[in-house]
Amino acid sequence: MPSAANAKSEKPASSEASDNSPIRQIMTIIEHKIRNLEKRKSKLTSYRDLQKAGKELNSDQKVAVAKYDEVAQTLEFARDMSKQVATIATAAEREAKKQAKKVYFHLIQNLCLTYTLSTNR
């Protein structure tokens, strides 16, 4: 009976290589930043709600609430940056595939030429 521990999700070699590309690493960093900013914004929203409800906040919480707009703007910027980097990554992957196709075509062409020359002797 197979267990979940034995089941491994294997990725094709080409996707492993692209996952380690610098652009993919940048995308991962930005995604982590977005996740952290969303958590922080959520926390600040809860502080704002408490403040609106009339509960007294400590000084650190008041300072944090004052930075709510800054966090929201940074989050928006990070999301925009993520979209732009994703677009660049897609274009780079497309170009890499095109280049690989050209290399493969030239390799096949050279092999055919070599075969033709060797059979004519």
PDB file of N, CA and C in Angstrom:
ATOM      1  N   MET A   1       0.840  -1.179   0.000  1.00  0.00           N
ATOM      2  CA  MET A   1       0.000   0.000   0.000  1.00  0.00           C
ATOM      3  C   MET A   1       0.887   1.246   0.000  1.00  0.00           C
ATOM      4  N   PRO A   2       0.775   2.094  -1.026  1.00  0.00           N
ATOM      5  CA  PRO A   2       1.638   3.273  -1.093  1.00  0.00           C
ATOM      6  C   PRO A   2       1.247   4.304  -0.048  1.00  0.00           C
ATOM      7  N   SER A   3       2.244   4.915   0.500  1.00  0.00           N
ATOM      8  CA  SER A   3       1.981   5.954   1.498  1.00  0.00           C
ATOM      9  C   SER A   3       2.269   7.323   0.895  1.00  0.00           C
ATOM     10  N   ALA A   4       1.798   8.334   1.565  1.00  0.00           N
ATOM     11  CA  ALA A   4       2.007   9.704   1.090  1.00  0.00           C
ATOM     12  C   ALA A   4       3.477  10.089   1.161  1.00  0.00           C
ATOM     13  N   ALA A   5       4.211   9.472   2.069  1.00  0.00           N
ATOM     14  CA  ALA A   5       5.629   9.790   2.211  1.00  0.00           C
ATOM     15  C   ALA A   5       6.421   9.297   1.010  1.00  0.00           C
ATOM     16  N   ASN A   6       5.967   8.211   0.391  1.00  0.00           N
ATOM     17  CA  ASN A   6       6.677   7.659  -0.755  1.00  0.00           C
ATOM     18  C   ASN A   6       6.377   8.412  -2.039  1.00  0.00           C
ATOM     19  N   ALA A   7       5.269   9.085  -2.083  1.00  0.00           N
ATOM     20  CA  ALA A   7       4.881   9.811  -3.291  1.00  0.00           C
ATOM     21  C   ALA A   7       5.654  11.123  -3.355  1.00  0.00           C
ATOM     22  N   LYS A   8       6.405  11.272  -4.435  1.00  0.00           N
ATOM     23  CA  LYS A   8       7.175  12.498  -4.629  1.00  0.00           C
ATOM     24  C   LYS A   8       6.651  13.202  -5.863  1.00  0.00           C
ATOM     25  N   SER A   9       6.509  14.490  -5.749  1.00  0.00           N
ATOM     26  CA  SER A   9       6.096  15.241  -6.933  1.00  0.00           C
ATOM     27  C   SER A   9       7.362  15.605  -7.691  1.00  0.00           C
ATOM     28  N   GLU A  10       7.488  15.027  -8.863  1.00  0.00           N
ATOM     29  CA  GLU A  10       8.671  15.282  -9.670  1.00  0.00           C
ATOM     30  C   GLU A  10       8.330  16.301 -10.733  1.00  0.00           C
ATOM     31  N   LYS A  11       9.234  17.241 -10.914  1.00  0.00           N
ATOM     32  CA  LYS A  11       9.053  18.269 -11.920  1.00  0.00           C
ATOM     33  C   LYS A  11       9.968  17.936 -13.091  1.00  0.00           C
ATOM     34  N   PRO A  12       9.589  18.349 -14.276  1.00  0.00           N
ATOM     35  CA  PRO A  12      10.496  18.168 -15.401  1.00  0.00           C
ATOM     36  C   PRO A  12      11.768  18.984 -15.181  1.00  0.00           C
ATOM     37  N   ALA A  13      12.847  18.537 -15.783  1.00  0.00           N
ATOM     38  CA  ALA A  13      14.135  19.198 -15.583  1.00  0.00           C
ATOM     39  C   ALA A  13      14.094  20.654 -16.023  1.00  0.00           C
ATOM     40  N   SER A  14      13.360  20.950 -17.084  1.00  0.00           N
ATOM     41  CA  SER A  14      13.322  22.327 -17.575  1.00  0.00           C
ATOM     42  C   SER A  14      12.657  23.265 -16.576  1.00  0.00           C
ATOM     43  N   SER A  15      11.609  22.796 -15.886  1.00  0.00           N
ATOM     44  CA  SER A  15      10.957  23.684 -14.921  1.00  0.00           C
ATOM     45  C   SER A  15      11.810  23.850 -13.668  1.00  0.00           C
ATOM     46  N   GLU A  16      12.593  22.833 -13.322  1.00  0.00           N
ATOM     47  CA  GLU A  16      13.501  22.977 -12.174  1.00  0.00           C
ATOM     48  C   GLU A  16      14.526  24.054 -12.461  1.00  0.00           C
ATOM     49  N   ALA A  17      15.050  24.060 -13.675  1.00  0.00           N
ATOM     50  CA  ALA A  17      16.052  25.056 -14.034  1.00  0.00           C
ATOM     51  C   ALA A  17      15.453  26.454 -14.001  1.00  0.00           C
ATOM     52  N   SER A  18      14.221  26.599 -14.476  1.00  0.00           N
ATOM     53  CA  SER A  18      13.618  27.928 -14.488  1.00  0.00           C
ATOM     54  C   SER A  18      13.219  28.372 -13.082  1.00  0.00           C
ATOM     55  N   ASP A  19      12.919  27.425 -12.184  1.00  0.00           N
ATOM     56  CA  ASP A  19      12.567  27.781 -10.810  1.00  0.00           C
ATOM     57  C   ASP A  19      13.760  28.374 -10.072  1.00  0.00           C
ATOM     58  N   ASN A  20      14.968  28.028 -10.494  1.00  0.00           N
ATOM     59  CA  ASN A  20      16.165  28.536  -9.837  1.00  0.00           C
ATOM     60  C   ASN A  20      16.742  29.754 -10.554  1.00  0.00           C
ATOM     61  N   SER A  21      16.058  30.225 -11.582  1.00  0.00           N
ATOM     62  CA  SER A  21      16.568  31.371 -12.316  1.00  0.00           C
ATOM     63  C   SER A  21      16.491  32.621 -11.436  1.00  0.00           C
ATOM     64  N   PRO A  22      17.334  33.584 -11.723  1.00  0.00           N
ATOM     65  CA  PRO A  22      17.317  34.818 -10.925  1.00  0.00           C
ATOM     66  C   PRO A  22      15.955  35.518 -10.935  1.00  0.00           C
ATOM     67  N   ILE A  23      15.273  35.502 -12.071  1.00  0.00           N
ATOM     68  CA  ILE A  23      13.964  36.158 -12.138  1.00  0.00           C
ATOM     69  C   ILE A  23      12.979  35.453 -11.222  1.00  0.00           C
ATOM     70  N   ARG A  24      13.003  34.124 -11.211  1.00  0.00           N
ATOM     71  CA  ARG A  24      12.098  33.361 -10.340  1.00  0.00           C
ATOM     72  C   ARG A  24      12.431  33.613  -8.870  1.00  0.00           C
ATOM     73  N   GLN A  25      13.706  33.754  -8.562  1.00  0.00           N
ATOM     74  CA  GLN A  25      14.103  34.046  -7.186  1.00  0.00           C
ATOM     75  C   GLN A  25      13.590  35.422  -6.767  1.00  0.00           C
ATOM     76  N   ILE A  26      13.666  36.378  -7.676  1.00  0.00           N
ATOM     77  CA  ILE A  26      13.146  37.718  -7.393  1.00  0.00           C
ATOM     78  C   ILE A  26      11.643  37.656  -7.163  1.00  0.00           C
ATOM     79  N   MET A  27      10.944  36.885  -8.005  1.00  0.00           N
ATOM     80  CA  MET A  27       9.493  36.746  -7.842  1.00  0.00           C
ATOM     81  C   MET A  27       9.155  36.155  -6.478  1.00  0.00           C
ATOM     82  N   THR A  28       9.926  35.170  -6.048  1.00  0.00           N
ATOM     83  CA  THR A  28       9.691  34.542  -4.746  1.00  0.00           C
ATOM     84  C   THR A  28       9.890  35.549  -3.619  1.00  0.00           C
ATOM     85  N   ILE A  29      10.941  36.339  -3.717  1.00  0.00           N
ATOM     86  CA  ILE A  29      11.215  37.357  -2.693  1.00  0.00           C
ATOM     87  C   ILE A  29      10.066  38.363  -2.624  1.00  0.00           C
ATOM     88  N   ILE A  30       9.597  38.809  -3.787  1.00  0.00           N
ATOM     89  CA  ILE A  30       8.503  39.783  -3.815  1.00  0.00           C
ATOM     90  C   ILE A  30       7.226  39.168  -3.254  1.00  0.00           C
ATOM     91  N   GLU A  31       6.957  37.899  -3.589  1.00  0.00           N
ATOM     92  CA  GLU A  31       5.764  37.227  -3.063  1.00  0.00           C
ATOM     93  C   GLU A  31       5.816  37.127  -1.539  1.00  0.00           C
ATOM     94  N   HIS A  32       6.985  36.848  -0.991  1.00  0.00           N
ATOM     95  CA  HIS A  32       7.136  36.786   0.470  1.00  0.00           C
ATOM     96  C   HIS A  32       6.898  38.169   1.082  1.00  0.00           C
ATOM     97  N   LYS A  33       7.435  39.192   0.432  1.00  0.00           N
ATOM     98  CA  LYS A  33       7.244  40.562   0.920  1.00  0.00           C
ATOM     99  C   LYS A  33       5.762  40.927   0.909  1.00  0.00           C
ATOM    100  N   ILE A  34       5.065  40.546  -0.160  1.00  0.00           N
ATOM    101  CA  ILE A  34       3.624  40.821  -0.253  1.00  0.00           C
ATOM    102  C   ILE A  34       2.878  40.130   0.878  1.00  0.00           C
ATOM    103  N   ARG A  35       3.212  38.866   1.112  1.00  0.00           N
ATOM    104  CA  ARG A  35       2.535  38.116   2.179  1.00  0.00           C
ATOM    105  C   ARG A  35       2.766  38.779   3.534  1.00  0.00           C
ATOM    106  N   ASN A  36       4.006  39.211   3.799  1.00  0.00           N
ATOM    107  CA  ASN A  36       4.315  39.881   5.068  1.00  0.00           C
ATOM    108  C   ASN A  36       3.573  41.214   5.195  1.00  0.00           C
ATOM    109  N   LEU A  37       3.512  41.968   4.104  1.00  0.00           N
ATOM    110  CA  LEU A  37       2.805  43.249   4.137  1.00  0.00           C
ATOM    111  C   LEU A  37       1.306  43.055   4.337  1.00  0.00           C
ATOM    112  N   GLU A  38       0.746  42.003   3.733  1.00  0.00           N
ATOM    113  CA  GLU A  38      -0.682  41.726   3.936  1.00  0.00           C
ATOM    114  C   GLU A  38      -0.968  41.400   5.402  1.00  0.00           C
ATOM    115  N   LYS A  39      -0.085  40.625   6.021  1.00  0.00           N
ATOM    116  CA  LYS A  39      -0.251  40.305   7.447  1.00  0.00           C
ATOM    117  C   LYS A  39      -0.170  41.575   8.289  1.00  0.00           C
ATOM    118  N   ARG A  40       0.810  42.416   7.968  1.00  0.00           N
ATOM    119  CA  ARG A  40       0.992  43.655   8.730  1.00  0.00           C
ATOM    120  C   ARG A  40      -0.206  44.587   8.552  1.00  0.00           C
ATOM    121  N   LYS A  41      -0.697  44.683   7.317  1.00  0.00           N
ATOM    122  CA  LYS A  41      -1.857  45.539   7.050  1.00  0.00           C
ATOM    123  C   LYS A  41      -3.075  45.032   7.818  1.00  0.00           C
ATOM    124  N   SER A  42      -3.236  43.721   7.860  1.00  0.00           N
ATOM    125  CA  SER A  42      -4.355  43.126   8.598  1.00  0.00           C
ATOM    126  C   SER A  42      -4.257  43.464  10.086  1.00  0.00           C
ATOM    127  N   LYS A  43      -3.051  43.373  10.620  1.00  0.00           N
ATOM    128  CA  LYS A  43      -2.828  43.693  12.036  1.00  0.00           C
ATOM    129  C   LYS A  43      -3.138  45.169  12.302  1.00  0.00           C
ATOM    130  N   LEU A  44      -2.682  46.029  11.395  1.00  0.00           N
ATOM    131  CA  LEU A  44      -2.932  47.461  11.555  1.00  0.00           C
ATOM    132  C   LEU A  44      -4.418  47.781  11.415  1.00  0.00           C
ATOM    133  N   THR A  45      -5.103  47.053  10.558  1.00  0.00           N
ATOM    134  CA  THR A  45      -6.550  47.241  10.413  1.00  0.00           C
ATOM    135  C   THR A  45      -7.262  46.900  11.714  1.00  0.00           C
ATOM    136  N   SER A  46      -6.820  45.824  12.353  1.00  0.00           N
ATOM    137  CA  SER A  46      -7.451  45.451  13.630  1.00  0.00           C
ATOM    138  C   SER A  46      -7.167  46.510  14.699  1.00  0.00           C
ATOM    139  N   TYR A  47      -5.963  47.086  14.691  1.00  0.00           N
ATOM    140  CA  TYR A  47      -5.655  48.172  15.631  1.00  0.00           C
ATOM    141  C   TYR A  47      -6.542  49.390  15.359  1.00  0.00           C
ATOM    142  N   ARG A  48      -6.732  49.719  14.078  1.00  0.00           N
ATOM    143  CA  ARG A  48      -7.577  50.863  13.713  1.00  0.00           C
ATOM    144  C   ARG A  48      -9.014  50.640  14.175  1.00  0.00           C
ATOM    145  N   ASP A  49      -9.490  49.404  13.984  1.00  0.00           N
ATOM    146  CA  ASP A  49     -10.858  49.083  14.414  1.00  0.00           C
ATOM    147  C   ASP A  49     -11.002  49.222  15.927  1.00  0.00           C
ATOM    148  N   LEU A  50      -9.980  48.763  16.656  1.00  0.00           N
ATOM    149  CA  LEU A  50     -10.007  48.897  18.116  1.00  0.00           C
ATOM    150  C   LEU A  50     -10.014  50.371  18.514  1.00  0.00           C
ATOM    151  N   GLN A  51      -9.201  51.147  17.808  1.00  0.00           N
ATOM    152  CA  GLN A  51      -9.113  52.575  18.100  1.00  0.00           C
ATOM    153  C   GLN A  51     -10.452  53.269  17.818  1.00  0.00           C
ATOM    154  N   LYS A  52     -11.097  52.899  16.704  1.00  0.00           N
ATOM    155  CA  LYS A  52     -12.400  53.486  16.365  1.00  0.00           C
ATOM    156  C   LYS A  52     -13.473  53.074  17.367  1.00  0.00           C
ATOM    157  N   ALA A  53     -13.311  51.873  17.929  1.00  0.00           N
ATOM    158  CA  ALA A  53     -14.281  51.385  18.919  1.00  0.00           C
ATOM    159  C   ALA A  53     -14.103  52.075  20.266  1.00  0.00           C
ATOM    160  N   GLY A  54     -13.043  52.873  20.393  1.00  0.00           N
ATOM    161  CA  GLY A  54     -12.843  53.625  21.622  1.00  0.00           C
ATOM    162  C   GLY A  54     -11.860  53.000  22.583  1.00  0.00           C
ATOM    163  N   LYS A  55     -11.251  51.887  22.219  1.00  0.00           N
ATOM    164  CA  LYS A  55     -10.281  51.256  23.106  1.00  0.00           C
ATOM    165  C   LYS A  55      -8.966  52.029  23.035  1.00  0.00           C
ATOM    166  N   GLU A  56      -8.331  52.175  24.183  1.00  0.00           N
ATOM    167  CA  GLU A  56      -7.059  52.899  24.264  1.00  0.00           C
ATOM    168  C   GLU A  56      -5.930  51.976  23.799  1.00  0.00           C
ATOM    169  N   LEU A  57      -5.125  52.456  22.846  1.00  0.00           N
ATOM    170  CA  LEU A  57      -3.983  51.687  22.345  1.00  0.00           C
ATOM    171  C   LEU A  57      -2.717  52.158  23.044  1.00  0.00           C
ATOM    172  N   ASN A  58      -1.733  51.255  23.145  1.00  0.00           N
ATOM    173  CA  ASN A  58      -0.452  51.682  23.719  1.00  0.00           C
ATOM    174  C   ASN A  58       0.320  52.472  22.661  1.00  0.00           C
ATOM    175  N   SER A  59       1.426  53.067  23.055  1.00  0.00           N
ATOM    176  CA  SER A  59       2.150  53.978  22.159  1.00  0.00           C
ATOM    177  C   SER A  59       2.671  53.268  20.907  1.00  0.00           C
ATOM    178  N   ASP A  60       3.143  52.027  21.050  1.00  0.00           N
ATOM    179  CA  ASP A  60       3.635  51.282  19.887  1.00  0.00           C
ATOM    180  C   ASP A  60       2.513  51.036  18.880  1.00  0.00           C
ATOM    181  N   GLN A  61       1.352  50.702  19.384  1.00  0.00           N
ATOM    182  CA  GLN A  61       0.206  50.451  18.510  1.00  0.00           C
ATOM    183  C   GLN A  61      -0.233  51.730  17.803  1.00  0.00           C
ATOM    184  N   LYS A  62      -0.162  52.853  18.506  1.00  0.00           N
ATOM    185  CA  LYS A  62      -0.527  54.133  17.894  1.00  0.00           C
ATOM    186  C   LYS A  62       0.443  54.491  16.768  1.00  0.00           C
ATOM    187  N   VAL A  63       1.723  54.262  17.003  1.00  0.00           N
ATOM    188  CA  VAL A  63       2.735  54.520  15.970  1.00  0.00           C
ATOM    189  C   VAL A  63       2.484  53.616  14.764  1.00  0.00           C
ATOM    190  N   ALA A  64       2.149  52.354  15.033  1.00  0.00           N
ATOM    191  CA  ALA A  64       1.881  51.399  13.960  1.00  0.00           C
ATOM    192  C   ALA A  64       0.664  51.831  13.142  1.00  0.00           C
ATOM    193  N   VAL A  65      -0.392  52.250  13.804  1.00  0.00           N
ATOM    194  CA  VAL A  65      -1.609  52.693  13.111  1.00  0.00           C
ATOM    195  C   VAL A  65      -1.302  53.903  12.232  1.00  0.00           C
ATOM    196  N   ALA A  66      -0.426  54.770  12.693  1.00  0.00           N
ATOM    197  CA  ALA A  66      -0.056  55.957  11.918  1.00  0.00           C
ATOM    198  C   ALA A  66       0.640  55.580  10.611  1.00  0.00           C
ATOM    199  N   LYS A  67       1.221  54.392  10.554  1.00  0.00           N
ATOM    200  CA  LYS A  67       1.936  53.950   9.351  1.00  0.00           C
ATOM    201  C   LYS A  67       1.066  53.087   8.434  1.00  0.00           C
ATOM    202  N   TYR A  68      -0.230  53.037   8.696  1.00  0.00           N
ATOM    203  CA  TYR A  68      -1.136  52.202   7.902  1.00  0.00           C
ATOM    204  C   TYR A  68      -1.078  52.562   6.413  1.00  0.00           C
ATOM    205  N   ASP A  69      -1.167  53.858   6.100  1.00  0.00           N
ATOM    206  CA  ASP A  69      -1.161  54.289   4.694  1.00  0.00           C
ATOM    207  C   ASP A  69       0.150  53.926   4.007  1.00  0.00           C
ATOM    208  N   GLU A  70       1.248  54.058   4.742  1.00  0.00           N
ATOM    209  CA  GLU A  70       2.558  53.701   4.196  1.00  0.00           C
ATOM    210  C   GLU A  70       2.611  52.207   3.847  1.00  0.00           C
ATOM    211  N   VAL A  71       2.093  51.381   4.738  1.00  0.00           N
ATOM    212  CA  VAL A  71       2.067  49.934   4.505  1.00  0.00           C
ATOM    213  C   VAL A  71       1.181  49.610   3.304  1.00  0.00           C
ATOM    214  N   ALA A  72       0.035  50.268   3.211  1.00  0.00           N
ATOM    215  CA  ALA A  72      -0.886  50.034   2.093  1.00  0.00           C
ATOM    216  C   ALA A  72      -0.241  50.419   0.762  1.00  0.00           C
ATOM    217  N   GLN A  73       0.475  51.533   0.738  1.00  0.00           N
ATOM    218  CA  GLN A  73       1.152  51.967  -0.487  1.00  0.00           C
ATOM    219  C   GLN A  73       2.284  51.017  -0.856  1.00  0.00           C
ATOM    220  N   THR A  74       3.031  50.575   0.128  1.00  0.00           N
ATOM    221  CA  THR A  74       4.119  49.633  -0.123  1.00  0.00           C
ATOM    222  C   THR A  74       3.570  48.315  -0.653  1.00  0.00           C
ATOM    223  N   LEU A  75       2.456  47.878  -0.104  1.00  0.00           N
ATOM    224  CA  LEU A  75       1.812  46.647  -0.563  1.00  0.00           C
ATOM    225  C   LEU A  75       1.364  46.791  -2.015  1.00  0.00           C
ATOM    226  N   GLU A  76       0.768  47.915  -2.340  1.00  0.00           N
ATOM    227  CA  GLU A  76       0.331  48.162  -3.720  1.00  0.00           C
ATOM    228  C   GLU A  76       1.535  48.173  -4.664  1.00  0.00           C
ATOM    229  N   PHE A  77       2.616  48.812  -4.250  1.00  0.00           N
ATOM    230  CA  PHE A  77       3.836  48.858  -5.053  1.00  0.00           C
ATOM    231  C   PHE A  77       4.398  47.452  -5.267  1.00  0.00           C
ATOM    232  N   ALA A  78       4.428  46.645  -4.216  1.00  0.00           N
ATOM    233  CA  ALA A  78       4.962  45.283  -4.320  1.00  0.00           C
ATOM    234  C   ALA A  78       4.111  44.431  -5.259  1.00  0.00           C
ATOM    235  N   ARG A  79       2.802  44.593  -5.197  1.00  0.00           N
ATOM    236  CA  ARG A  79       1.919  43.843  -6.105  1.00  0.00           C
ATOM    237  C   ARG A  79       2.162  44.249  -7.554  1.00  0.00           C
ATOM    238  N   ASP A  80       2.318  45.553  -7.781  1.00  0.00           N
ATOM    239  CA  ASP A  80       2.595  46.044  -9.129  1.00  0.00           C
ATOM    240  C   ASP A  80       3.939  45.511  -9.622  1.00  0.00           C
ATOM    241  N   MET A  81       4.927  45.541  -8.756  1.00  0.00           N
ATOM    242  CA  MET A  81       6.255  45.038  -9.105  1.00  0.00           C
ATOM    243  C   MET A  81       6.189  43.545  -9.438  1.00  0.00           C
ATOM    244  N   SER A  82       5.402  42.812  -8.678  1.00  0.00           N
ATOM    245  CA  SER A  82       5.244  41.380  -8.915  1.00  0.00           C
ATOM    246  C   SER A  82       4.670  41.117 -10.305  1.00  0.00           C
ATOM    247  N   LYS A  83       3.666  41.891 -10.688  1.00  0.00           N
ATOM    248  CA  LYS A  83       3.073  41.734 -12.022  1.00  0.00           C
ATOM    249  C   LYS A  83       4.098  42.023 -13.113  1.00  0.00           C
ATOM    250  N   GLN A  84       4.879  43.074 -12.926  1.00  0.00           N
ATOM    251  CA  GLN A  84       5.871  43.442 -13.931  1.00  0.00           C
ATOM    252  C   GLN A  84       6.963  42.384 -14.053  1.00  0.00           C
ATOM    253  N   VAL A  85       7.428  41.875 -12.936  1.00  0.00           N
ATOM    254  CA  VAL A  85       8.467  40.842 -12.961  1.00  0.00           C
ATOM    255  C   VAL A  85       7.920  39.562 -13.593  1.00  0.00           C
ATOM    256  N   ALA A  86       6.659  39.236 -13.319  1.00  0.00           N
ATOM    257  CA  ALA A  86       6.044  38.048 -13.925  1.00  0.00           C
ATOM    258  C   ALA A  86       5.976  38.196 -15.442  1.00  0.00           C
ATOM    259  N   THR A  87       5.661  39.384 -15.911  1.00  0.00           N
ATOM    260  CA  THR A  87       5.618  39.640 -17.352  1.00  0.00           C
ATOM    261  C   THR A  87       7.002  39.470 -17.966  1.00  0.00           C
ATOM    262  N   ILE A  88       8.007  40.003 -17.298  1.00  0.00           N
ATOM    263  CA  ILE A  88       9.383  39.877 -17.783  1.00  0.00           C
ATOM    264  C   ILE A  88       9.810  38.411 -17.789  1.00  0.00           C
ATOM    265  N   ALA A  89       9.456  37.681 -16.742  1.00  0.00           N
ATOM    266  CA  ALA A  89       9.817  36.262 -16.649  1.00  0.00           C
ATOM    267  C   ALA A  89       9.177  35.463 -17.774  1.00  0.00           C
ATOM    268  N   THR A  90       7.921  35.749 -18.063  1.00  0.00           N
ATOM    269  CA  THR A  90       7.226  35.049 -19.144  1.00  0.00           C
ATOM    270  C   THR A  90       7.901  35.325 -20.483  1.00  0.00           C
ATOM    271  N   ALA A  91       8.248  36.576 -20.724  1.00  0.00           N
ATOM    272  CA  ALA A  91       8.919  36.937 -21.974  1.00  0.00           C
ATOM    273  C   ALA A  91      10.289  36.271 -22.067  1.00  0.00           C
ATOM    274  N   ALA A  92      11.010  36.227 -20.959  1.00  0.00           N
ATOM    275  CA  ALA A  92      12.336  35.599 -20.951  1.00  0.00           C
ATOM    276  C   ALA A  92      12.232  34.097 -21.207  1.00  0.00           C
ATOM    277  N   GLU A  93      11.238  33.455 -20.606  1.00  0.00           N
ATOM    278  CA  GLU A  93      11.046  32.020 -20.830  1.00  0.00           C
ATOM    279  C   GLU A  93      10.683  31.743 -22.281  1.00  0.00           C
ATOM    280  N   ARG A  94       9.823  32.575 -22.840  1.00  0.00           N
ATOM    281  CA  ARG A  94       9.431  32.419 -24.242  1.00  0.00           C
ATOM    282  C   ARG A  94      10.653  32.551 -25.151  1.00  0.00           C
ATOM    283  N   GLU A  95      11.490  33.546 -24.878  1.00  0.00           N
ATOM    284  CA  GLU A  95      12.695  33.772 -25.677  1.00  0.00           C
ATOM    285  C   GLU A  95      13.678  32.609 -25.530  1.00  0.00           C
ATOM    286  N   ALA A  96      13.796  32.076 -24.323  1.00  0.00           N
ATOM    287  CA  ALA A  96      14.693  30.938 -24.091  1.00  0.00           C
ATOM    288  C   ALA A  96      14.213  29.708 -24.862  1.00  0.00           C
ATOM    289  N   LYS A  97      12.908  29.490 -24.899  1.00  0.00           N
ATOM    290  CA  LYS A  97      12.361  28.362 -25.663  1.00  0.00           C
ATOM    291  C   LYS A  97      12.634  28.541 -27.150  1.00  0.00           C
ATOM    292  N   LYS A  98      12.466  29.775 -27.633  1.00  0.00           N
ATOM    293  CA  LYS A  98      12.741  30.066 -29.040  1.00  0.00           C
ATOM    294  C   LYS A  98      14.201  29.770 -29.368  1.00  0.00           C
ATOM    295  N   GLN A  99      15.084  30.208 -28.484  1.00  0.00           N
ATOM    296  CA  GLN A  99      16.514  30.005 -28.692  1.00  0.00           C
ATOM    297  C   GLN A  99      16.854  28.521 -28.664  1.00  0.00           C
ATOM    298  N   ALA A 100      16.259  27.778 -27.750  1.00  0.00           N
ATOM    299  CA  ALA A 100      16.508  26.338 -27.662  1.00  0.00           C
ATOM    300  C   ALA A 100      16.030  25.637 -28.930  1.00  0.00           C
ATOM    301  N   LYS A 101      14.916  26.094 -29.465  1.00  0.00           N
ATOM    302  CA  LYS A 101      14.393  25.521 -30.706  1.00  0.00           C
ATOM    303  C   LYS A 101      15.364  25.759 -31.857  1.00  0.00           C
ATOM    304  N   LYS A 102      15.922  26.978 -31.929  1.00  0.00           N
ATOM    305  CA  LYS A 102      16.895  27.298 -32.977  1.00  0.00           C
ATOM    306  C   LYS A 102      18.127  26.415 -32.862  1.00  0.00           C
ATOM    307  N   VAL A 103      18.623  26.270 -31.642  1.00  0.00           N
ATOM    308  CA  VAL A 103      19.814  25.446 -31.419  1.00  0.00           C
ATOM    309  C   VAL A 103      19.532  24.008 -31.832  1.00  0.00           C
ATOM    310  N   TYR A 104      18.369  23.499 -31.459  1.00  0.00           N
ATOM    311  CA  TYR A 104      17.987  22.133 -31.807  1.00  0.00           C
ATOM    312  C   TYR A 104      17.886  21.981 -33.322  1.00  0.00           C
ATOM    313  N   PHE A 105      17.284  22.957 -33.994  1.00  0.00           N
ATOM    314  CA  PHE A 105      17.153  22.911 -35.445  1.00  0.00           C
ATOM    315  C   PHE A 105      18.527  22.878 -36.104  1.00  0.00           C
ATOM    316  N   HIS A 106      19.456  23.722 -35.652  1.00  0.00           N
ATOM    317  CA  HIS A 106      20.801  23.746 -36.224  1.00  0.00           C
ATOM    318  C   HIS A 106      21.542  22.444 -35.946  1.00  0.00           C
ATOM    319  N   LEU A 107      21.331  21.871 -34.794  1.00  0.00           N
ATOM    320  CA  LEU A 107      21.953  20.593 -34.461  1.00  0.00           C
ATOM    321  C   LEU A 107      21.465  19.504 -35.407  1.00  0.00           C
ATOM    322  N   ILE A 108      20.169  19.431 -35.618  1.00  0.00           N
ATOM    323  CA  ILE A 108      19.597  18.440 -36.527  1.00  0.00           C
ATOM    324  C   ILE A 108      20.092  18.683 -37.945  1.00  0.00           C
ATOM    325  N   GLN A 109      20.150  19.937 -38.343  1.00  0.00           N
ATOM    326  CA  GLN A 109      20.625  20.289 -39.677  1.00  0.00           C
ATOM    327  C   GLN A 109      22.077  19.835 -39.865  1.00  0.00           C
ATOM    328  N   ASN A 110      22.911  20.080 -38.861  1.00  0.00           N
ATOM    329  CA  ASN A 110      24.311  19.658 -38.940  1.00  0.00           C
ATOM    330  C   ASN A 110      24.437  18.142 -38.959  1.00  0.00           C
ATOM    331  N   LEU A 111      23.614  17.453 -38.192  1.00  0.00           N
ATOM    332  CA  LEU A 111      23.644  15.992 -38.196  1.00  0.00           C
ATOM    333  C   LEU A 111      23.245  15.443 -39.559  1.00  0.00           C
ATOM    334  N   CYS A 112      22.232  16.037 -40.163  1.00  0.00           N
ATOM    335  CA  CYS A 112      21.805  15.602 -41.499  1.00  0.00           C
ATOM    336  C   CYS A 112      22.900  15.855 -42.521  1.00  0.00           C
ATOM    337  N   LEU A 113      23.547  16.994 -42.440  1.00  0.00           N
ATOM    338  CA  LEU A 113      24.634  17.330 -43.351  1.00  0.00           C
ATOM    339  C   LEU A 113      25.799  16.371 -43.165  1.00  0.00           C
ATOM    340  N   THR A 114      26.145  16.085 -41.920  1.00  0.00           N
ATOM    341  CA  THR A 114      27.234  15.147 -41.627  1.00  0.00           C
ATOM    342  C   THR A 114      26.901  13.766 -42.169  1.00  0.00           C
ATOM    343  N   TYR A 115      25.681  13.340 -41.982  1.00  0.00           N
ATOM    344  CA  TYR A 115      25.249  12.026 -42.465  1.00  0.00           C
ATOM    345  C   TYR A 115      25.309  11.980 -43.990  1.00  0.00           C
ATOM    346  N   THR A 116      24.857  13.047 -44.646  1.00  0.00           N
ATOM    347  CA  THR A 116      24.866  13.106 -46.108  1.00  0.00           C
ATOM    348  C   THR A 116      26.292  13.057 -46.629  1.00  0.00           C
ATOM    349  N   LEU A 117      27.184  13.790 -46.020  1.00  0.00           N
ATOM    350  CA  LEU A 117      28.581  13.809 -46.449  1.00  0.00           C
ATOM    351  C   LEU A 117      29.252  12.461 -46.224  1.00  0.00           C
ATOM    352  N   SER A 118      28.942  11.813 -45.121  1.00  0.00           N
ATOM    353  CA  SER A 118      29.585  10.529 -44.821  1.00  0.00           C
ATOM    354  C   SER A 118      29.053   9.409 -45.714  1.00  0.00           C
ATOM    355  N   THR A 119      27.833   9.486 -46.169  1.00  0.00           N
ATOM    356  CA  THR A 119      27.281   8.436 -47.039  1.00  0.00           C
ATOM    357  C   THR A 119      27.679   8.635 -48.488  1.00  0.00           C
ATOM    358  N   ASN A 120      28.108   9.820 -48.875  1.00  0.00           N
ATOM    359  CA  ASN A 120      28.518  10.091 -50.256  1.00  0.00           C
ATOM    360  C   ASN A 120      29.962   9.698 -50.514  1.00  0.00           C
ATOM    361  N   ARG A 121      30.705   9.311 -49.549  1.00  0.00           N
ATOM    362  CA  ARG A 121      32.125   8.955 -49.734  1.00  0.00           C
ATOM    363  C   ARG A 121      32.279   7.582 -50.228  1.00  0.00           C
TER     364      ARG A 121
END
